[in-house]
C-alpha cells in the first residue's frame, strides 16, 4: 500500500467514522454506510489533506474506496 493510499484510508476512516480495517479497495461507500453528506465531508477533508481539488466528473463516479483513492491520485498527478 502506498503512502497516498494509507493517508486516504486514514482520512476516510476519521471523517466517516468507519473502522479503517473495513476500508478495503473494493468496499462500496454505500455498503460502508457513507451517505452523500458524509461523502462531501470526506471529499473536503481529502482536498485539505492533500492540498488538491478533486475534479467534478470524478466526484460523480465515487462508488468504492478504490474510486476515492484513484481520484486523489489523479488530482495529485495533475498538480
PDB file of N, CA and C in Angstrom:
ATOM      1  N   UNK A   1       0.843  -1.177   0.000  1.00  0.00           N
ATOM      2  CA  UNK A   1       0.000   0.000   0.000  1.00  0.00           C
ATOM      3  C   UNK A   1       0.890   1.242   0.000  1.00  0.00           C
ATOM      4  N   UNK A   2       0.558   2.207  -0.847  1.00  0.00           N
ATOM      5  CA  UNK A   2       1.355   3.421  -0.953  1.00  0.00           C
ATOM      6  C   UNK A   2       1.016   4.393   0.179  1.00  0.00           C
ATOM      7  N   UNK A   3       1.860   5.405   0.325  1.00  0.00           N
ATOM      8  CA  UNK A   3       1.625   6.425   1.348  1.00  0.00           C
ATOM      9  C   UNK A   3       0.324   7.181   1.068  1.00  0.00           C
ATOM     10  N   UNK A   4       0.031   7.425  -0.209  1.00  0.00           N
ATOM     11  CA  UNK A   4      -1.205   8.115  -0.571  1.00  0.00           C
ATOM     12  C   UNK A   4      -2.415   7.279  -0.163  1.00  0.00           C
ATOM     13  N   UNK A   5      -2.373   5.997  -0.472  1.00  0.00           N
ATOM     14  CA  UNK A   5      -3.485   5.112  -0.111  1.00  0.00           C
ATOM     15  C   UNK A   5      -3.692   5.088   1.399  1.00  0.00           C
ATOM     16  N   UNK A   6      -2.618   5.010   2.144  1.00  0.00           N
ATOM     17  CA  UNK A   6      -2.700   4.986   3.603  1.00  0.00           C
ATOM     18  C   UNK A   6      -3.335   6.265   4.130  1.00  0.00           C
ATOM     19  N   UNK A   7      -2.920   7.395   3.580  1.00  0.00           N
ATOM     20  CA  UNK A   7      -3.481   8.674   4.015  1.00  0.00           C
ATOM     21  C   UNK A   7      -4.951   8.798   3.640  1.00  0.00           C
ATOM     22  N   UNK A   8      -5.322   8.331   2.452  1.00  0.00           N
ATOM     23  CA  UNK A   8      -6.727   8.372   2.034  1.00  0.00           C
ATOM     24  C   UNK A   8      -7.574   7.543   3.001  1.00  0.00           C
ATOM     25  N   UNK A   9      -7.122   6.346   3.315  1.00  0.00           N
ATOM     26  CA  UNK A   9      -7.878   5.487   4.226  1.00  0.00           C
ATOM     27  C   UNK A   9      -8.006   6.128   5.603  1.00  0.00           C
ATOM     28  N   UNK A  10      -6.941   6.738   6.070  1.00  0.00           N
ATOM     29  CA  UNK A  10      -6.963   7.387   7.381  1.00  0.00           C
ATOM     30  C   UNK A  10      -7.982   8.527   7.401  1.00  0.00           C
ATOM     31  N   UNK A  11      -7.995   9.338   6.342  1.00  0.00           N
ATOM     32  CA  UNK A  11      -8.942  10.454   6.262  1.00  0.00           C
ATOM     33  C   UNK A  11     -10.375   9.938   6.168  1.00  0.00           C
ATOM     34  N   UNK A  12     -10.603   8.943   5.327  1.00  0.00           N
ATOM     35  CA  UNK A  12     -11.958   8.371   5.215  1.00  0.00           C
ATOM     36  C   UNK A  12     -12.423   7.804   6.547  1.00  0.00           C
ATOM     37  N   UNK A  13     -11.562   7.086   7.209  1.00  0.00           N
ATOM     38  CA  UNK A  13     -11.911   6.483   8.495  1.00  0.00           C
ATOM     39  C   UNK A  13     -12.279   7.549   9.511  1.00  0.00           C
ATOM     40  N   UNK A  14     -11.452   8.559   9.610  1.00  0.00           N
ATOM     41  CA  UNK A  14     -11.660   9.620  10.593  1.00  0.00           C
ATOM     42  C   UNK A  14     -12.914  10.436  10.266  1.00  0.00           C
ATOM     43  N   UNK A  15     -13.105  10.780   9.013  1.00  0.00           N
ATOM     44  CA  UNK A  15     -14.203  11.664   8.625  1.00  0.00           C
ATOM     45  C   UNK A  15     -15.549  10.946   8.632  1.00  0.00           C
ATOM     46  N   UNK A  16     -15.584   9.738   8.100  1.00  0.00           N
ATOM     47  CA  UNK A  16     -16.846   8.988   8.008  1.00  0.00           C
ATOM     48  C   UNK A  16     -17.085   8.098   9.222  1.00  0.00           C
ATOM     49  N   UNK A  17     -16.118   8.063  10.127  1.00  0.00           N
ATOM     50  CA  UNK A  17     -16.203   7.235  11.332  1.00  0.00           C
ATOM     51  C   UNK A  17     -16.458   5.764  10.995  1.00  0.00           C
ATOM     52  N   UNK A  18     -15.629   5.264  10.093  1.00  0.00           N
ATOM     53  CA  UNK A  18     -15.664   3.865   9.688  1.00  0.00           C
ATOM     54  C   UNK A  18     -14.326   3.258  10.094  1.00  0.00           C
ATOM     55  N   UNK A  19     -14.344   2.096  10.758  1.00  0.00           N
ATOM     56  CA  UNK A  19     -13.065   1.474  11.120  1.00  0.00           C
ATOM     57  C   UNK A  19     -12.184   1.264   9.888  1.00  0.00           C
ATOM     58  N   UNK A  20     -10.923   1.629  10.025  1.00  0.00           N
ATOM     59  CA  UNK A  20     -10.007   1.562   8.885  1.00  0.00           C
ATOM     60  C   UNK A  20      -9.910   0.157   8.299  1.00  0.00           C
ATOM     61  N   UNK A  21     -10.055  -0.873   9.121  1.00  0.00           N
ATOM     62  CA  UNK A  21      -9.960  -2.241   8.618  1.00  0.00           C
ATOM     63  C   UNK A  21     -11.129  -2.602   7.689  1.00  0.00           C
ATOM     64  N   UNK A  22     -12.215  -1.836   7.729  1.00  0.00           N
ATOM     65  CA  UNK A  22     -13.353  -2.062   6.826  1.00  0.00           C
ATOM     66  C   UNK A  22     -13.163  -1.394   5.467  1.00  0.00           C
ATOM     67  N   UNK A  23     -12.160  -0.542   5.357  1.00  0.00           N
ATOM     68  CA  UNK A  23     -11.942   0.239   4.138  1.00  0.00           C
ATOM     69  C   UNK A  23     -11.034  -0.498   3.161  1.00  0.00           C
ATOM     70  N   UNK A  24     -11.553  -1.546   2.574  1.00  0.00           N
ATOM     71  CA  UNK A  24     -10.823  -2.275   1.552  1.00  0.00           C
ATOM     72  C   UNK A  24     -11.068  -1.584   0.212  1.00  0.00           C
ATOM     73  N   UNK A  25     -10.163  -1.718  -0.745  1.00  0.00           N
ATOM     74  CA  UNK A  25     -10.348  -1.047  -2.039  1.00  0.00           C
ATOM     75  C   UNK A  25     -11.690  -1.358  -2.710  1.00  0.00           C
ATOM     76  N   UNK A  26     -12.170  -2.575  -2.606  1.00  0.00           N
ATOM     77  CA  UNK A  26     -13.417  -2.958  -3.276  1.00  0.00           C
ATOM     78  C   UNK A  26     -14.667  -2.584  -2.484  1.00  0.00           C
ATOM     79  N   UNK A  27     -14.501  -2.109  -1.268  1.00  0.00           N
ATOM     80  CA  UNK A  27     -15.654  -1.798  -0.424  1.00  0.00           C
ATOM     81  C   UNK A  27     -16.470  -0.657  -1.022  1.00  0.00           C
ATOM     82  N   UNK A  28     -17.766  -0.871  -1.103  1.00  0.00           N
ATOM     83  CA  UNK A  28     -18.685   0.141  -1.607  1.00  0.00           C
ATOM     84  C   UNK A  28     -18.923   1.193  -0.530  1.00  0.00           C
ATOM     85  N   UNK A  29     -18.934   2.454  -0.928  1.00  0.00           N
ATOM     86  CA  UNK A  29     -19.205   3.524   0.035  1.00  0.00           C
ATOM     87  C   UNK A  29     -20.599   3.364   0.628  1.00  0.00           C
ATOM     88  N   UNK A  30     -21.537   2.931  -0.189  1.00  0.00           N
ATOM     89  CA  UNK A  30     -22.899   2.703   0.288  1.00  0.00           C
ATOM     90  C   UNK A  30     -22.938   1.568   1.310  1.00  0.00           C
ATOM     91  N   UNK A  31     -22.241   0.485   1.014  1.00  0.00           N
ATOM     92  CA  UNK A  31     -22.202  -0.647   1.941  1.00  0.00           C
ATOM     93  C   UNK A  31     -21.539  -0.271   3.263  1.00  0.00           C
ATOM     94  N   UNK A  32     -20.619   0.694   3.217  1.00  0.00           N
ATOM     95  CA  UNK A  32     -19.968   1.171   4.437  1.00  0.00           C
ATOM     96  C   UNK A  32     -20.838   2.187   5.172  1.00  0.00           C
ATOM     97  N   UNK A  33     -22.013   2.456   4.614  1.00  0.00           N
ATOM     98  CA  UNK A  33     -22.982   3.393   5.183  1.00  0.00           C
ATOM     99  C   UNK A  33     -22.459   4.830   5.193  1.00  0.00           C
ATOM    100  N   UNK A  34     -21.692   5.163   4.150  1.00  0.00           N
ATOM    101  CA  UNK A  34     -21.208   6.534   3.975  1.00  0.00           C
ATOM    102  C   UNK A  34     -22.217   7.240   3.076  1.00  0.00           C
ATOM    103  N   UNK A  35     -23.041   8.051   3.687  1.00  0.00           N
ATOM    104  CA  UNK A  35     -24.110   8.762   2.984  1.00  0.00           C
ATOM    105  C   UNK A  35     -23.539   9.922   2.173  1.00  0.00           C
ATOM    106  N   UNK A  36     -24.366  10.527   1.342  1.00  0.00           N
ATOM    107  CA  UNK A  36     -23.901  11.578   0.437  1.00  0.00           C
ATOM    108  C   UNK A  36     -23.309  12.770   1.192  1.00  0.00           C
ATOM    109  N   UNK A  37     -23.906  13.171   2.298  1.00  0.00           N
ATOM    110  CA  UNK A  37     -23.354  14.287   3.071  1.00  0.00           C
ATOM    111  C   UNK A  37     -21.980  13.921   3.630  1.00  0.00           C
ATOM    112  N   UNK A  38     -21.839  12.695   4.106  1.00  0.00           N
ATOM    113  CA  UNK A  38     -20.535  12.240   4.598  1.00  0.00           C
ATOM    114  C   UNK A  38     -19.525  12.164   3.465  1.00  0.00           C
ATOM    115  N   UNK A  39     -19.975  11.794   2.266  1.00  0.00           N
ATOM    116  CA  UNK A  39     -19.074  11.762   1.119  1.00  0.00           C
ATOM    117  C   UNK A  39     -18.533  13.160   0.829  1.00  0.00           C
ATOM    118  N   UNK A  40     -19.399  14.157   0.924  1.00  0.00           N
ATOM    119  CA  UNK A  40     -18.962  15.534   0.702  1.00  0.00           C
ATOM    120  C   UNK A  40     -17.945  15.935   1.766  1.00  0.00           C
ATOM    121  N   UNK A  41     -18.216  15.580   3.009  1.00  0.00           N
ATOM    122  CA  UNK A  41     -17.278  15.887   4.088  1.00  0.00           C
ATOM    123  C   UNK A  41     -15.937  15.188   3.857  1.00  0.00           C
ATOM    124  N   UNK A  42     -15.986  13.960   3.370  1.00  0.00           N
ATOM    125  CA  UNK A  42     -14.759  13.217   3.077  1.00  0.00           C
ATOM    126  C   UNK A  42     -13.973  13.886   1.955  1.00  0.00           C
ATOM    127  N   UNK A  43     -14.672  14.310   0.914  1.00  0.00           N
ATOM    128  CA  UNK A  43     -14.008  14.978  -0.206  1.00  0.00           C
ATOM    129  C   UNK A  43     -13.323  16.248   0.276  1.00  0.00           C
ATOM    130  N   UNK A  44     -14.012  17.039   1.079  1.00  0.00           N
ATOM    131  CA  UNK A  44     -13.422  18.275   1.601  1.00  0.00           C
ATOM    132  C   UNK A  44     -12.208  17.979   2.471  1.00  0.00           C
ATOM    133  N   UNK A  45     -12.308  16.948   3.297  1.00  0.00           N
ATOM    134  CA  UNK A  45     -11.180  16.565   4.153  1.00  0.00           C
ATOM    135  C   UNK A  45      -9.998  16.082   3.319  1.00  0.00           C
ATOM    136  N   UNK A  46     -10.272  15.332   2.262  1.00  0.00           N
ATOM    137  CA  UNK A  46      -9.200  14.856   1.378  1.00  0.00           C
ATOM    138  C   UNK A  46      -8.545  16.019   0.637  1.00  0.00           C
ATOM    139  N   UNK A  47      -9.357  16.960   0.184  1.00  0.00           N
ATOM    140  CA  UNK A  47      -8.791  18.126  -0.502  1.00  0.00           C
ATOM    141  C   UNK A  47      -7.885  18.914   0.445  1.00  0.00           C
ATOM    142  N   UNK A  48      -8.302  19.045   1.703  1.00  0.00           N
ATOM    143  CA  UNK A  48      -7.463  19.728   2.701  1.00  0.00           C
ATOM    144  C   UNK A  48      -6.189  18.943   2.982  1.00  0.00           C
ATOM    145  N   UNK A  49      -6.324  17.641   3.135  1.00  0.00           N
ATOM    146  CA  UNK A  49      -5.177  16.787   3.463  1.00  0.00           C
ATOM    147  C   UNK A  49      -4.108  16.822   2.380  1.00  0.00           C
ATOM    148  N   UNK A  50      -4.549  16.769   1.120  1.00  0.00           N
ATOM    149  CA  UNK A  50      -3.605  16.655   0.004  1.00  0.00           C
ATOM    150  C   UNK A  50      -3.375  17.980  -0.731  1.00  0.00           C
ATOM    151  N   UNK A  51      -4.092  19.032  -0.336  1.00  0.00           N
ATOM    152  CA  UNK A  51      -3.951  20.344  -0.978  1.00  0.00           C
ATOM    153  C   UNK A  51      -4.207  20.247  -2.481  1.00  0.00           C
ATOM    154  N   UNK A  52      -5.318  19.580  -2.824  1.00  0.00           N
ATOM    155  CA  UNK A  52      -5.734  19.428  -4.217  1.00  0.00           C
ATOM    156  C   UNK A  52      -7.227  19.743  -4.313  1.00  0.00           C
ATOM    157  N   UNK A  53      -7.701  19.858  -5.545  1.00  0.00           N
ATOM    158  CA  UNK A  53      -9.127  19.970  -5.789  1.00  0.00           C
ATOM    159  C   UNK A  53      -9.526  18.789  -6.663  1.00  0.00           C
ATOM    160  N   UNK A  54     -10.452  17.983  -6.184  1.00  0.00           N
ATOM    161  CA  UNK A  54     -10.894  16.817  -6.940  1.00  0.00           C
ATOM    162  C   UNK A  54     -11.839  17.265  -8.043  1.00  0.00           C
ATOM    163  N   UNK A  55     -11.681  16.703  -9.231  1.00  0.00           N
ATOM    164  CA  UNK A  55     -12.494  17.061 -10.388  1.00  0.00           C
ATOM    165  C   UNK A  55     -13.952  16.655 -10.186  1.00  0.00           C
ATOM    166  N   UNK A  56     -14.854  17.523 -10.622  1.00  0.00           N
ATOM    167  CA  UNK A  56     -16.282  17.236 -10.509  1.00  0.00           C
ATOM    168  C   UNK A  56     -16.681  15.924 -11.191  1.00  0.00           C
ATOM    169  N   UNK A  57     -16.192  15.632 -12.404  1.00  0.00           N
ATOM    170  CA  UNK A  57     -16.560  14.344 -13.019  1.00  0.00           C
ATOM    171  C   UNK A  57     -16.123  13.154 -12.154  1.00  0.00           C
ATOM    172  N   UNK A  58     -14.967  13.273 -11.510  1.00  0.00           N
ATOM    173  CA  UNK A  58     -14.507  12.199 -10.627  1.00  0.00           C
ATOM    174  C   UNK A  58     -15.448  12.018  -9.441  1.00  0.00           C
ATOM    175  N   UNK A  59     -15.941  13.111  -8.908  1.00  0.00           N
ATOM    176  CA  UNK A  59     -16.794  13.041  -7.720  1.00  0.00           C
ATOM    177  C   UNK A  59     -18.087  12.289  -7.991  1.00  0.00           C
ATOM    178  N   UNK A  60     -18.602  12.424  -9.194  1.00  0.00           N
ATOM    179  CA  UNK A  60     -19.848  11.729  -9.546  1.00  0.00           C
ATOM    180  C   UNK A  60     -19.649  10.222  -9.688  1.00  0.00           C
ATOM    181  N   UNK A  61     -18.407   9.800  -9.853  1.00  0.00           N
ATOM    182  CA  UNK A  61     -18.115   8.380 -10.076  1.00  0.00           C
ATOM    183  C   UNK A  61     -17.667   7.651  -8.814  1.00  0.00           C
ATOM    184  N   UNK A  62     -17.655   8.321  -7.682  1.00  0.00           N
ATOM    185  CA  UNK A  62     -17.167   7.677  -6.459  1.00  0.00           C
ATOM    186  C   UNK A  62     -18.176   6.654  -5.955  1.00  0.00           C
ATOM    187  N   UNK A  63     -17.810   5.398  -6.093  1.00  0.00           N
ATOM    188  CA  UNK A  63     -18.677   4.301  -5.634  1.00  0.00           C
ATOM    189  C   UNK A  63     -17.962   3.404  -4.626  1.00  0.00           C
ATOM    190  N   UNK A  64     -16.654   3.274  -4.787  1.00  0.00           N
ATOM    191  CA  UNK A  64     -15.874   2.390  -3.914  1.00  0.00           C
ATOM    192  C   UNK A  64     -14.712   3.162  -3.295  1.00  0.00           C
ATOM    193  N   UNK A  65     -14.087   2.548  -2.330  1.00  0.00           N
ATOM    194  CA  UNK A  65     -12.896   3.131  -1.708  1.00  0.00           C
ATOM    195  C   UNK A  65     -11.808   3.311  -2.770  1.00  0.00           C
ATOM    196  N   UNK A  66     -11.664   2.344  -3.684  1.00  0.00           N
ATOM    197  CA  UNK A  66     -10.657   2.457  -4.744  1.00  0.00           C
ATOM    198  C   UNK A  66     -10.941   3.655  -5.644  1.00  0.00           C
ATOM    199  N   UNK A  67     -12.206   3.947  -5.906  1.00  0.00           N
ATOM    200  CA  UNK A  67     -12.562   5.129  -6.706  1.00  0.00           C
ATOM    201  C   UNK A  67     -12.049   6.402  -6.036  1.00  0.00           C
ATOM    202  N   UNK A  68     -12.173   6.464  -4.721  1.00  0.00           N
ATOM    203  CA  UNK A  68     -11.700   7.633  -3.968  1.00  0.00           C
ATOM    204  C   UNK A  68     -10.176   7.730  -4.069  1.00  0.00           C
ATOM    205  N   UNK A  69      -9.499   6.618  -3.870  1.00  0.00           N
ATOM    206  CA  UNK A  69      -8.035   6.592  -3.970  1.00  0.00           C
ATOM    207  C   UNK A  69      -7.599   7.042  -5.366  1.00  0.00           C
ATOM    208  N   UNK A  70      -8.245   6.509  -6.390  1.00  0.00           N
ATOM    209  CA  UNK A  70      -7.901   6.861  -7.773  1.00  0.00           C
ATOM    210  C   UNK A  70      -8.112   8.350  -8.045  1.00  0.00           C
ATOM    211  N   UNK A  71      -9.206   8.913  -7.531  1.00  0.00           N
ATOM    212  CA  UNK A  71      -9.490  10.336  -7.743  1.00  0.00           C
ATOM    213  C   UNK A  71      -8.417  11.204  -7.109  1.00  0.00           C
ATOM    214  N   UNK A  72      -7.985  10.841  -5.904  1.00  0.00           N
ATOM    215  CA  UNK A  72      -6.928  11.599  -5.231  1.00  0.00           C
ATOM    216  C   UNK A  72      -5.622  11.472  -6.014  1.00  0.00           C
ATOM    217  N   UNK A  73      -5.303  10.264  -6.459  1.00  0.00           N
ATOM    218  CA  UNK A  73      -4.054  10.072  -7.204  1.00  0.00           C
ATOM    219  C   UNK A  73      -4.056  10.861  -8.518  1.00  0.00           C
ATOM    220  N   UNK A  74      -5.211  10.912  -9.200  1.00  0.00           N
ATOM    221  CA  UNK A  74      -5.310  11.711 -10.429  1.00  0.00           C
ATOM    222  C   UNK A  74      -5.105  13.189 -10.114  1.00  0.00           C
ATOM    223  N   UNK A  75      -5.724  13.657  -9.058  1.00  0.00           N
ATOM    224  CA  UNK A  75      -5.577  15.071  -8.678  1.00  0.00           C
ATOM    225  C   UNK A  75      -4.134  15.406  -8.325  1.00  0.00           C
ATOM    226  N   UNK A  76      -3.460  14.489  -7.652  1.00  0.00           N
ATOM    227  CA  UNK A  76      -2.052  14.711  -7.318  1.00  0.00           C
ATOM    228  C   UNK A  76      -1.185  14.718  -8.559  1.00  0.00           C
ATOM    229  N   UNK A  77      -1.518  13.893  -9.533  1.00  0.00           N
ATOM    230  CA  UNK A  77      -0.757  13.830 -10.773  1.00  0.00           C
ATOM    231  C   UNK A  77      -0.939  15.058 -11.645  1.00  0.00           C
ATOM    232  N   UNK A  78      -2.047  15.764 -11.465  1.00  0.00           N
ATOM    233  CA  UNK A  78      -2.349  16.932 -12.275  1.00  0.00           C
ATOM    234  C   UNK A  78      -1.766  18.212 -11.698  1.00  0.00           C
ATOM    235  N   UNK A  79      -1.193  18.134 -10.504  1.00  0.00           N
ATOM    236  CA  UNK A  79      -0.640  19.338  -9.873  1.00  0.00           C
ATOM    237  C   UNK A  79       0.602  19.778 -10.575  1.00  0.00           C
TER     238      UNK A  79
END
